[in-house]
Structures are given as structure tokens and as C-alpha cells.
């Protein structure tokens, strides 16, 4: 029986039956057969839209056959999150995290920390998860879904207005990167948020230092130019403020934005913001 025919059976009959045995005798398969069939259903799920019923049924069947496959459970949560069914998505993701942590792993936890920050703005939850990641991995540095975990924690602390703590965490990210030979100037996002935190603490020279590092690596970073404009307004230096705001305005008109959609959930820069500041000068 082909895998596609099996999926059709599941679509019409369902994976489980309350009135009798399952439509396909999964329990009679060996572990090797279950694992192989689970992988086929996992692969089949990618042929369908992630929010579709077919995708979920294929993924559900893969999990039914291989219930300890944490990655399949985590990926299933994406379907519900992308469809706006967030309670269901988090329930599934929390299950994956609990299973992963019980095995001494932190992969699912990393994804949850990232999701809590960028999708749900649960800053306290983000900090908790990042701290647990570092405890499990016995390290102060790790990646969380494409970003340093410390960057997620630093942003969460910044949103909670705990600026000195955020600065300490973000500085630690750069320190750990130096130890492993990374060029920290290229991590302009860490420098950008260090600048933001120092600016909030009125440490304007330190803030400017970090923004200049950002602009050295990314000279068309309109958000950094805008923040420099705000910094010089706070210092009552109207000439410098206007210079940076006009540079940011020109770049924004030409479509130069951060280009990081998840960061822009917090910090997207709009033309009216620049114009409002220019009007005050």
C-alpha cells in the first residue's frame, strides 16, 4: 500500500477509532517498520501547506508511529501557530520541551524561548527559558533559532526596562564570541541593542559607540541612524540630530529597513516617526 493511499485512508477515517480498532494495524508493526513508516509520513507532510489538515494528519500519524520523536511534535506546533491557534500550538510545544528537557536536551527549549520573545512577548518566560538552556548545556553561549540565546535574553530584559541587566547579558554575548574567535563587530544586532540600553540609561557616549560599530558594518542601517538622531536630540545637539535623522529618512524612503522581520515586530521604523522628530528641531 502506498503512503499516499494511507494518507487518504486517514483523511476519511482518522488515525484512531472510538468504535473499534484503528483503520491500519500499527500495533502489529515492528519498531523498525514503525520508524520507517513514521519517516515516510513526516516526509509526506512537507508536500502540504503547513496549516492544512493533510499536513497535520500526516504529522499526527508520524507521531502516532514514533511517539518519542520530539522534532515531529515540535514541528506540529508550527502548524497551529501559523494558523493563529496559539493555545493549541503552545500546548504541543510545551509537550516537546518537557520531553526534550527530560532527556537533558535543550533544542525544543531554544525554539520556545525564541517564540516567547518574538511571537508572544512573554519576556519573563524568555528569560526563564534562556537561563534553563544555559544550565542544561553548561555554557554561557549558545544559539537559539538563528540568534545567540543571550541576545534573546538581553532583548527581553530591555523590554522589561531592566537596562543594567540587559547590558550585562549583551556584553557577555560579545565576550563569549571573542573567546571562540568570532568578529564581534559583525554581530551588529547585539551592538544595536547595547546602544539602545545605554541610551535609555543616558550613557550617551557608550550608546553612540555601539551605534557607530553598527554603522561601520551596516552603513545603511536606518534604525541606528534614527536612534543616533534621538540621542543627539537628548543631548540638545540639533545639528547632529538633524544630520542623522535626514540620513535615516532618505534611506527609509529608498526602502532601507532593518530587513529582520522578527526584530521589526518591536522596532520597525516609519517615516512619520522621523518627521515628528524633525519637526521638534
C-alpha atoms as a PDB file:
ATOM      1  CA  UNK A   1       0.000   0.000   0.000  1.00  0.00           C
ATOM      2  CA  UNK A   2       1.463   3.379  -0.997  1.00  0.00           C
ATOM      3  CA  UNK A   3       1.994   6.144   1.519  1.00  0.00           C
ATOM      4  CA  UNK A   4      -0.432   8.402  -0.365  1.00  0.00           C
ATOM      5  CA  UNK A   5      -3.189   5.810  -0.188  1.00  0.00           C
ATOM      6  CA  UNK A   6      -2.559   5.502   3.534  1.00  0.00           C
ATOM      7  CA  UNK A   7      -2.966   9.270   3.897  1.00  0.00           C
ATOM      8  CA  UNK A   8      -6.263   9.175   2.007  1.00  0.00           C
ATOM      9  CA  UNK A   9      -7.474   6.473   4.402  1.00  0.00           C
ATOM     10  CA  UNK A  10      -6.509   8.627   7.350  1.00  0.00           C
ATOM     11  CA  UNK A  11      -8.194  11.703   5.894  1.00  0.00           C
ATOM     12  CA  UNK A  12     -11.501   9.887   5.625  1.00  0.00           C
ATOM     13  CA  UNK A  13     -11.374   7.511   8.564  1.00  0.00           C
ATOM     14  CA  UNK A  14      -8.986   9.192  11.021  1.00  0.00           C
ATOM     15  CA  UNK A  15      -5.951   7.898  12.856  1.00  0.00           C
ATOM     16  CA  UNK A  16      -7.964   6.448  15.731  1.00  0.00           C
ATOM     17  CA  UNK A  17     -11.412   4.992  16.075  1.00  0.00           C
ATOM     18  CA  UNK A  18     -13.579   5.078  19.185  1.00  0.00           C
ATOM     19  CA  UNK A  19     -15.787   2.255  17.876  1.00  0.00           C
ATOM     20  CA  UNK A  20     -13.131  -0.331  17.160  1.00  0.00           C
ATOM     21  CA  UNK A  21      -9.520  -0.894  16.144  1.00  0.00           C
ATOM     22  CA  UNK A  22      -7.511   1.684  14.218  1.00  0.00           C
ATOM     23  CA  UNK A  23      -8.045   1.545  10.429  1.00  0.00           C
ATOM     24  CA  UNK A  24      -4.460   0.367   9.982  1.00  0.00           C
ATOM     25  CA  UNK A  25      -2.916  -2.187  12.413  1.00  0.00           C
ATOM     26  CA  UNK A  26       0.018  -0.060  13.554  1.00  0.00           C
ATOM     27  CA  UNK A  27       0.429  -2.116  16.710  1.00  0.00           C
ATOM     28  CA  UNK A  28       1.400  -5.188  14.650  1.00  0.00           C
ATOM     29  CA  UNK A  29       4.368  -3.466  13.068  1.00  0.00           C
ATOM     30  CA  UNK A  30       7.893  -3.901  14.375  1.00  0.00           C
ATOM     31  CA  UNK A  31       9.747  -0.880  15.755  1.00  0.00           C
ATOM     32  CA  UNK A  32      11.869  -0.739  12.612  1.00  0.00           C
ATOM     33  CA  UNK A  33       8.737  -0.760  10.440  1.00  0.00           C
ATOM     34  CA  UNK A  34       7.078   1.912  12.587  1.00  0.00           C
ATOM     35  CA  UNK A  35      10.146   4.126  12.431  1.00  0.00           C
ATOM     36  CA  UNK A  36      10.400   3.743   8.673  1.00  0.00           C
ATOM     37  CA  UNK A  37       6.705   4.450   8.125  1.00  0.00           C
ATOM     38  CA  UNK A  38       6.857   7.411  10.523  1.00  0.00           C
ATOM     39  CA  UNK A  39       9.665   8.935   8.474  1.00  0.00           C
ATOM     40  CA  UNK A  40       7.613   8.489   5.308  1.00  0.00           C
ATOM     41  CA  UNK A  41       4.627  10.263   6.846  1.00  0.00           C
ATOM     42  CA  UNK A  42       6.929  13.012   8.116  1.00  0.00           C
ATOM     43  CA  UNK A  43       8.322  13.484   4.614  1.00  0.00           C
ATOM     44  CA  UNK A  44       4.817  13.385   3.145  1.00  0.00           C
ATOM     45  CA  UNK A  45       3.672  16.176   5.472  1.00  0.00           C
ATOM     46  CA  UNK A  46       6.048  18.582   3.713  1.00  0.00           C
ATOM     47  CA  UNK A  47       4.091  18.225   0.462  1.00  0.00           C
ATOM     48  CA  UNK A  48       1.144  20.064   2.012  1.00  0.00           C
ATOM     49  CA  UNK A  49       0.637  23.559   3.381  1.00  0.00           C
ATOM     50  CA  UNK A  50       1.779  23.591   6.976  1.00  0.00           C
ATOM     51  CA  UNK A  51      -1.613  24.861   8.142  1.00  0.00           C
ATOM     52  CA  UNK A  52      -3.598  22.259   6.187  1.00  0.00           C
ATOM     53  CA  UNK A  53      -5.478  19.278   7.558  1.00  0.00           C
ATOM     54  CA  UNK A  54      -3.458  16.939   5.331  1.00  0.00           C
ATOM     55  CA  UNK A  55      -0.201  18.231   6.827  1.00  0.00           C
ATOM     56  CA  UNK A  56      -1.454  17.791  10.370  1.00  0.00           C
ATOM     57  CA  UNK A  57      -2.826  14.315   9.743  1.00  0.00           C
ATOM     58  CA  UNK A  58       0.417  13.171   8.174  1.00  0.00           C
ATOM     59  CA  UNK A  59       2.365  14.646  11.077  1.00  0.00           C
ATOM     60  CA  UNK A  60      -0.075  13.176  13.638  1.00  0.00           C
ATOM     61  CA  UNK A  61       0.391   9.756  12.071  1.00  0.00           C
ATOM     62  CA  UNK A  62       4.173  10.112  12.132  1.00  0.00           C
ATOM     63  CA  UNK A  63       3.895  10.893  15.863  1.00  0.00           C
ATOM     64  CA  UNK A  64       1.482   8.002  16.440  1.00  0.00           C
ATOM     65  CA  UNK A  65       4.037   5.650  14.944  1.00  0.00           C
ATOM     66  CA  UNK A  66       7.014   7.264  16.680  1.00  0.00           C
ATOM     67  CA  UNK A  67       5.683   8.986  19.830  1.00  0.00           C
ATOM     68  CA  UNK A  68       9.149   9.756  21.199  1.00  0.00           C
ATOM     69  CA  UNK A  69      10.191  11.799  18.148  1.00  0.00           C
ATOM     70  CA  UNK A  70      10.406  15.233  19.741  1.00  0.00           C
ATOM     71  CA  UNK A  71      11.209  17.027  16.488  1.00  0.00           C
ATOM     72  CA  UNK A  72       7.941  15.857  14.892  1.00  0.00           C
ATOM     73  CA  UNK A  73       5.962  17.092  17.897  1.00  0.00           C
ATOM     74  CA  UNK A  74       7.706  20.467  17.829  1.00  0.00           C
ATOM     75  CA  UNK A  75       7.144  20.891  14.087  1.00  0.00           C
ATOM     76  CA  UNK A  76       3.463  20.017  14.502  1.00  0.00           C
ATOM     77  CA  UNK A  77       3.152  23.048  16.785  1.00  0.00           C
ATOM     78  CA  UNK A  78       4.178  25.300  13.873  1.00  0.00           C
ATOM     79  CA  UNK A  79       1.006  24.392  12.005  1.00  0.00           C
ATOM     80  CA  UNK A  80      -1.221  25.641  14.800  1.00  0.00           C
ATOM     81  CA  UNK A  81       0.880  28.738  15.492  1.00  0.00           C
ATOM     82  CA  UNK A  82       0.841  29.788  11.843  1.00  0.00           C
ATOM     83  CA  UNK A  83      -2.914  29.271  11.768  1.00  0.00           C
ATOM     84  CA  UNK A  84      -3.415  31.500  14.806  1.00  0.00           C
ATOM     85  CA  UNK A  85      -4.344  28.606  17.117  1.00  0.00           C
ATOM     86  CA  UNK A  86      -1.833  29.644  19.723  1.00  0.00           C
ATOM     87  CA  UNK A  87      -3.157  27.799  22.769  1.00  0.00           C
ATOM     88  CA  UNK A  88      -3.010  24.523  20.867  1.00  0.00           C
ATOM     89  CA  UNK A  89       0.405  25.404  19.437  1.00  0.00           C
ATOM     90  CA  UNK A  90       1.870  26.135  22.858  1.00  0.00           C
ATOM     91  CA  UNK A  91       0.350  23.013  24.420  1.00  0.00           C
ATOM     92  CA  UNK A  92       2.077  20.886  21.767  1.00  0.00           C
ATOM     93  CA  UNK A  93       5.335  22.827  22.022  1.00  0.00           C
ATOM     94  CA  UNK A  94       5.317  22.580  25.821  1.00  0.00           C
ATOM     95  CA  UNK A  95       4.997  18.799  25.467  1.00  0.00           C
ATOM     96  CA  UNK A  96       8.021  18.723  23.142  1.00  0.00           C
ATOM     97  CA  UNK A  97      10.008  20.889  25.575  1.00  0.00           C
ATOM     98  CA  UNK A  98       9.142  18.682  28.561  1.00  0.00           C
ATOM     99  CA  UNK A  99      10.203  15.549  26.677  1.00  0.00           C
ATOM    100  CA  UNK A 100      13.418  17.161  25.427  1.00  0.00           C
ATOM    101  CA  UNK A 101      14.436  18.587  28.810  1.00  0.00           C
ATOM    102  CA  UNK A 102      13.768  15.198  30.455  1.00  0.00           C
ATOM    103  CA  UNK A 103      16.423  13.780  28.120  1.00  0.00           C
ATOM    104  CA  UNK A 104      18.876  16.536  29.033  1.00  0.00           C
ATOM    105  CA  UNK A 105      18.470  18.347  25.714  1.00  0.00           C
ATOM    106  CA  UNK A 106      17.572  21.975  25.002  1.00  0.00           C
ATOM    107  CA  UNK A 107      16.674  22.115  21.291  1.00  0.00           C
ATOM    108  CA  UNK A 108      12.906  22.466  21.786  1.00  0.00           C
ATOM    109  CA  UNK A 109      13.542  24.868  24.650  1.00  0.00           C
ATOM    110  CA  UNK A 110      15.575  27.097  22.322  1.00  0.00           C
ATOM    111  CA  UNK A 111      12.669  27.316  19.908  1.00  0.00           C
ATOM    112  CA  UNK A 112      10.240  28.088  22.721  1.00  0.00           C
ATOM    113  CA  UNK A 113      12.473  30.888  24.036  1.00  0.00           C
ATOM    114  CA  UNK A 114      12.561  32.381  20.543  1.00  0.00           C
ATOM    115  CA  UNK A 115       8.781  32.041  20.154  1.00  0.00           C
ATOM    116  CA  UNK A 116       8.023  33.529  23.559  1.00  0.00           C
ATOM    117  CA  UNK A 117      10.017  36.634  22.675  1.00  0.00           C
ATOM    118  CA  UNK A 118       9.085  37.306  19.077  1.00  0.00           C
ATOM    119  CA  UNK A 119       5.559  35.917  18.877  1.00  0.00           C
ATOM    120  CA  UNK A 120       4.133  36.205  22.367  1.00  0.00           C
ATOM    121  CA  UNK A 121       6.197  38.941  24.025  1.00  0.00           C
ATOM    122  CA  UNK A 122       6.477  36.829  27.136  1.00  0.00           C
ATOM    123  CA  UNK A 123       9.683  38.427  28.322  1.00  0.00           C
ATOM    124  CA  UNK A 124       9.778  36.723  31.706  1.00  0.00           C
ATOM    125  CA  UNK A 125       9.253  33.365  30.008  1.00  0.00           C
ATOM    126  CA  UNK A 126      12.054  34.107  27.542  1.00  0.00           C
ATOM    127  CA  UNK A 127      14.492  34.893  30.355  1.00  0.00           C
ATOM    128  CA  UNK A 128      13.467  31.727  32.225  1.00  0.00           C
ATOM    129  CA  UNK A 129      13.963  29.538  29.158  1.00  0.00           C
ATOM    130  CA  UNK A 130      17.347  31.021  28.230  1.00  0.00           C
ATOM    131  CA  UNK A 131      18.593  30.547  31.790  1.00  0.00           C
ATOM    132  CA  UNK A 132      17.448  26.923  31.677  1.00  0.00           C
ATOM    133  CA  UNK A 133      19.186  26.423  28.314  1.00  0.00           C
ATOM    134  CA  UNK A 134      22.486  27.617  29.772  1.00  0.00           C
ATOM    135  CA  UNK A 135      22.020  25.365  32.795  1.00  0.00           C
ATOM    136  CA  UNK A 136      21.309  22.283  30.688  1.00  0.00           C
ATOM    137  CA  UNK A 137      24.147  22.928  28.250  1.00  0.00           C
ATOM    138  CA  UNK A 138      26.550  24.104  30.966  1.00  0.00           C
ATOM    139  CA  UNK A 139      27.565  27.077  28.862  1.00  0.00           C
ATOM    140  CA  UNK A 140      27.088  30.829  28.715  1.00  0.00           C
ATOM    141  CA  UNK A 141      26.780  30.879  24.940  1.00  0.00           C
ATOM    142  CA  UNK A 142      24.539  29.014  22.522  1.00  0.00           C
ATOM    143  CA  UNK A 143      22.384  29.690  19.502  1.00  0.00           C
ATOM    144  CA  UNK A 144      18.620  29.983  19.761  1.00  0.00           C
ATOM    145  CA  UNK A 145      16.939  29.584  16.383  1.00  0.00           C
ATOM    146  CA  UNK A 146      19.497  31.615  14.484  1.00  0.00           C
ATOM    147  CA  UNK A 147      20.322  34.149  17.191  1.00  0.00           C
ATOM    148  CA  UNK A 148      22.545  33.953  20.268  1.00  0.00           C
ATOM    149  CA  UNK A 149      20.361  32.922  23.204  1.00  0.00           C
ATOM    150  CA  UNK A 150      21.876  35.794  25.177  1.00  0.00           C
ATOM    151  CA  UNK A 151      20.580  38.245  22.581  1.00  0.00           C
ATOM    152  CA  UNK A 152      17.050  36.967  23.224  1.00  0.00           C
ATOM    153  CA  UNK A 153      17.510  37.353  26.970  1.00  0.00           C
ATOM    154  CA  UNK A 154      19.058  40.806  26.559  1.00  0.00           C
ATOM    155  CA  UNK A 155      16.124  41.981  24.454  1.00  0.00           C
ATOM    156  CA  UNK A 156      13.643  40.584  26.970  1.00  0.00           C
ATOM    157  CA  UNK A 157      15.405  42.409  29.802  1.00  0.00           C
ATOM    158  CA  UNK A 158      15.422  45.604  27.752  1.00  0.00           C
ATOM    159  CA  UNK A 159      11.660  45.334  27.147  1.00  0.00           C
ATOM    160  CA  UNK A 160      11.207  44.961  30.902  1.00  0.00           C
ATOM    161  CA  UNK A 161      13.311  48.151  31.309  1.00  0.00           C
ATOM    162  CA  UNK A 162      15.952  46.241  33.249  1.00  0.00           C
ATOM    163  CA  UNK A 163      18.684  48.042  31.349  1.00  0.00           C
ATOM    164  CA  UNK A 164      21.768  47.325  33.515  1.00  0.00           C
ATOM    165  CA  UNK A 165      20.956  43.601  33.460  1.00  0.00           C
ATOM    166  CA  UNK A 166      20.378  43.705  29.713  1.00  0.00           C
ATOM    167  CA  UNK A 167      23.732  45.430  29.178  1.00  0.00           C
ATOM    168  CA  UNK A 168      25.488  42.791  31.288  1.00  0.00           C
ATOM    169  CA  UNK A 169      23.901  39.949  29.305  1.00  0.00           C
ATOM    170  CA  UNK A 170      24.618  41.524  25.906  1.00  0.00           C
ATOM    171  CA  UNK A 171      28.211  42.284  26.891  1.00  0.00           C
ATOM    172  CA  UNK A 172      28.518  38.626  27.888  1.00  0.00           C
ATOM    173  CA  UNK A 173      27.402  37.582  24.390  1.00  0.00           C
ATOM    174  CA  UNK A 174      30.227  39.594  22.845  1.00  0.00           C
ATOM    175  CA  UNK A 175      32.717  38.322  25.408  1.00  0.00           C
ATOM    176  CA  UNK A 176      31.836  34.699  24.697  1.00  0.00           C
ATOM    177  CA  UNK A 177      32.033  35.300  20.944  1.00  0.00           C
ATOM    178  CA  UNK A 178      35.533  36.736  21.289  1.00  0.00           C
ATOM    179  CA  UNK A 179      36.585  33.568  23.114  1.00  0.00           C
ATOM    180  CA  UNK A 180      35.582  31.411  20.164  1.00  0.00           C
ATOM    181  CA  UNK A 181      37.126  33.718  17.592  1.00  0.00           C
ATOM    182  CA  UNK A 182      34.042  35.467  16.225  1.00  0.00           C
ATOM    183  CA  UNK A 183      34.337  39.001  14.870  1.00  0.00           C
ATOM    184  CA  UNK A 184      32.032  40.741  17.324  1.00  0.00           C
ATOM    185  CA  UNK A 185      31.699  43.850  15.158  1.00  0.00           C
ATOM    186  CA  UNK A 186      29.673  41.743  12.745  1.00  0.00           C
ATOM    187  CA  UNK A 187      27.130  40.975  15.428  1.00  0.00           C
ATOM    188  CA  UNK A 188      25.568  44.341  14.829  1.00  0.00           C
ATOM    189  CA  UNK A 189      22.251  43.370  16.419  1.00  0.00           C
ATOM    190  CA  UNK A 190      23.918  42.923  19.798  1.00  0.00           C
ATOM    191  CA  UNK A 191      25.633  46.291  19.383  1.00  0.00           C
ATOM    192  CA  UNK A 192      22.358  47.897  18.326  1.00  0.00           C
ATOM    193  CA  UNK A 193      20.570  46.746  21.465  1.00  0.00           C
ATOM    194  CA  UNK A 194      23.533  47.638  23.648  1.00  0.00           C
ATOM    195  CA  UNK A 195      23.254  51.116  22.167  1.00  0.00           C
ATOM    196  CA  UNK A 196      19.550  51.184  22.951  1.00  0.00           C
ATOM    197  CA  UNK A 197      20.100  50.130  26.566  1.00  0.00           C
ATOM    198  CA  UNK A 198      22.903  52.623  27.161  1.00  0.00           C
ATOM    199  CA  UNK A 199      20.778  55.339  25.587  1.00  0.00           C
ATOM    200  CA  UNK A 200      17.890  54.548  27.932  1.00  0.00           C
ATOM    201  CA  UNK A 201      20.363  54.828  30.820  1.00  0.00           C
ATOM    202  CA  UNK A 202      21.532  58.197  29.437  1.00  0.00           C
ATOM    203  CA  UNK A 203      25.016  56.824  28.809  1.00  0.00           C
ATOM    204  CA  UNK A 204      25.117  58.656  25.508  1.00  0.00           C
ATOM    205  CA  UNK A 205      28.816  58.243  24.701  1.00  0.00           C
ATOM    206  CA  UNK A 206      28.612  54.479  25.159  1.00  0.00           C
ATOM    207  CA  UNK A 207      25.394  54.326  23.159  1.00  0.00           C
ATOM    208  CA  UNK A 208      26.981  56.296  20.312  1.00  0.00           C
ATOM    209  CA  UNK A 209      29.998  53.969  20.372  1.00  0.00           C
ATOM    210  CA  UNK A 210      27.802  50.926  19.767  1.00  0.00           C
ATOM    211  CA  UNK A 211      25.730  52.636  17.067  1.00  0.00           C
ATOM    212  CA  UNK A 212      28.918  53.586  15.237  1.00  0.00           C
ATOM    213  CA  UNK A 213      30.001  49.930  15.294  1.00  0.00           C
ATOM    214  CA  UNK A 214      26.635  49.040  13.757  1.00  0.00           C
ATOM    215  CA  UNK A 215      27.068  51.649  11.030  1.00  0.00           C
ATOM    216  CA  UNK A 216      30.622  50.540  10.310  1.00  0.00           C
ATOM    217  CA  UNK A 217      29.294  47.092   9.458  1.00  0.00           C
ATOM    218  CA  UNK A 218      25.937  48.194   8.048  1.00  0.00           C
ATOM    219  CA  UNK A 219      26.171  51.865   6.933  1.00  0.00           C
ATOM    220  CA  UNK A 220      22.590  51.872   5.640  1.00  0.00           C
ATOM    221  CA  UNK A 221      21.081  50.729   8.903  1.00  0.00           C
ATOM    222  CA  UNK A 222      18.339  53.346   9.102  1.00  0.00           C
ATOM    223  CA  UNK A 223      17.236  52.349  12.619  1.00  0.00           C
ATOM    224  CA  UNK A 224      20.701  53.025  14.043  1.00  0.00           C
ATOM    225  CA  UNK A 225      20.793  56.420  12.328  1.00  0.00           C
ATOM    226  CA  UNK A 226      17.362  57.213  13.734  1.00  0.00           C
ATOM    227  CA  UNK A 227      18.469  56.268  17.249  1.00  0.00           C
ATOM    228  CA  UNK A 228      21.531  58.481  16.863  1.00  0.00           C
ATOM    229  CA  UNK A 229      19.196  61.301  15.889  1.00  0.00           C
ATOM    230  CA  UNK A 230      17.209  60.745  19.090  1.00  0.00           C
ATOM    231  CA  UNK A 231      20.433  60.569  21.080  1.00  0.00           C
ATOM    232  CA  UNK A 232      21.558  63.991  19.833  1.00  0.00           C
ATOM    233  CA  UNK A 233      18.126  65.465  20.475  1.00  0.00           C
ATOM    234  CA  UNK A 234      18.508  64.296  24.075  1.00  0.00           C
ATOM    235  CA  UNK A 235      21.945  65.974  24.150  1.00  0.00           C
ATOM    236  CA  UNK A 236      20.405  69.145  22.668  1.00  0.00           C
ATOM    237  CA  UNK A 237      22.720  68.984  19.656  1.00  0.00           C
ATOM    238  CA  UNK A 238      20.252  69.889  16.943  1.00  0.00           C
ATOM    239  CA  UNK A 239      22.791  69.979  14.125  1.00  0.00           C
ATOM    240  CA  UNK A 240      23.920  66.383  14.649  1.00  0.00           C
ATOM    241  CA  UNK A 241      20.386  65.252  15.377  1.00  0.00           C
ATOM    242  CA  UNK A 242      19.102  66.658  12.100  1.00  0.00           C
ATOM    243  CA  UNK A 243      22.020  65.142  10.169  1.00  0.00           C
ATOM    244  CA  UNK A 244      21.310  61.625  11.370  1.00  0.00           C
ATOM    245  CA  UNK A 245      17.539  61.923  11.092  1.00  0.00           C
ATOM    246  CA  UNK A 246      17.787  63.140   7.499  1.00  0.00           C
ATOM    247  CA  UNK A 247      20.112  60.265   6.634  1.00  0.00           C
ATOM    248  CA  UNK A 248      17.640  57.812   8.164  1.00  0.00           C
ATOM    249  CA  UNK A 249      14.777  59.480   6.300  1.00  0.00           C
ATOM    250  CA  UNK A 250      16.498  59.220   2.931  1.00  0.00           C
ATOM    251  CA  UNK A 251      17.336  55.563   3.472  1.00  0.00           C
ATOM    252  CA  UNK A 252      13.805  54.776   4.593  1.00  0.00           C
ATOM    253  CA  UNK A 253      12.324  56.469   1.530  1.00  0.00           C
ATOM    254  CA  UNK A 254      14.599  54.264  -0.572  1.00  0.00           C
ATOM    255  CA  UNK A 255      13.378  51.135   1.197  1.00  0.00           C
ATOM    256  CA  UNK A 256      16.330  50.620   3.537  1.00  0.00           C
ATOM    257  CA  UNK A 257      14.954  48.949   6.644  1.00  0.00           C
ATOM    258  CA  UNK A 258      16.328  46.514   9.159  1.00  0.00           C
ATOM    259  CA  UNK A 259      15.348  43.583   6.978  1.00  0.00           C
ATOM    260  CA  UNK A 260      14.835  41.375  10.020  1.00  0.00           C
ATOM    261  CA  UNK A 261      11.068  40.746  10.188  1.00  0.00           C
ATOM    262  CA  UNK A 262      11.039  39.384  13.723  1.00  0.00           C
ATOM    263  CA  UNK A 263      13.045  42.307  15.071  1.00  0.00           C
ATOM    264  CA  UNK A 264      10.769  44.681  13.218  1.00  0.00           C
ATOM    265  CA  UNK A 265       7.864  43.381  15.286  1.00  0.00           C
ATOM    266  CA  UNK A 266       9.363  45.565  18.028  1.00  0.00           C
ATOM    267  CA  UNK A 267      11.381  48.216  16.241  1.00  0.00           C
ATOM    268  CA  UNK A 268      10.040  48.858  12.766  1.00  0.00           C
ATOM    269  CA  UNK A 269      10.839  52.407  11.775  1.00  0.00           C
ATOM    270  CA  UNK A 270       8.243  54.524   9.965  1.00  0.00           C
ATOM    271  CA  UNK A 271       8.606  57.778   8.089  1.00  0.00           C
ATOM    272  CA  UNK A 272       6.173  59.635  10.346  1.00  0.00           C
ATOM    273  CA  UNK A 273       8.424  58.938  13.360  1.00  0.00           C
ATOM    274  CA  UNK A 274      11.349  60.658  11.687  1.00  0.00           C
ATOM    275  CA  UNK A 275       9.194  63.552  10.509  1.00  0.00           C
ATOM    276  CA  UNK A 276       7.804  64.011  14.033  1.00  0.00           C
ATOM    277  CA  UNK A 277      11.323  64.300  15.428  1.00  0.00           C
ATOM    278  CA  UNK A 278      12.475  66.642  12.685  1.00  0.00           C
ATOM    279  CA  UNK A 279       9.519  68.890  13.446  1.00  0.00           C
ATOM    280  CA  UNK A 280      10.741  69.261  17.030  1.00  0.00           C
ATOM    281  CA  UNK A 281      14.160  70.563  15.981  1.00  0.00           C
END
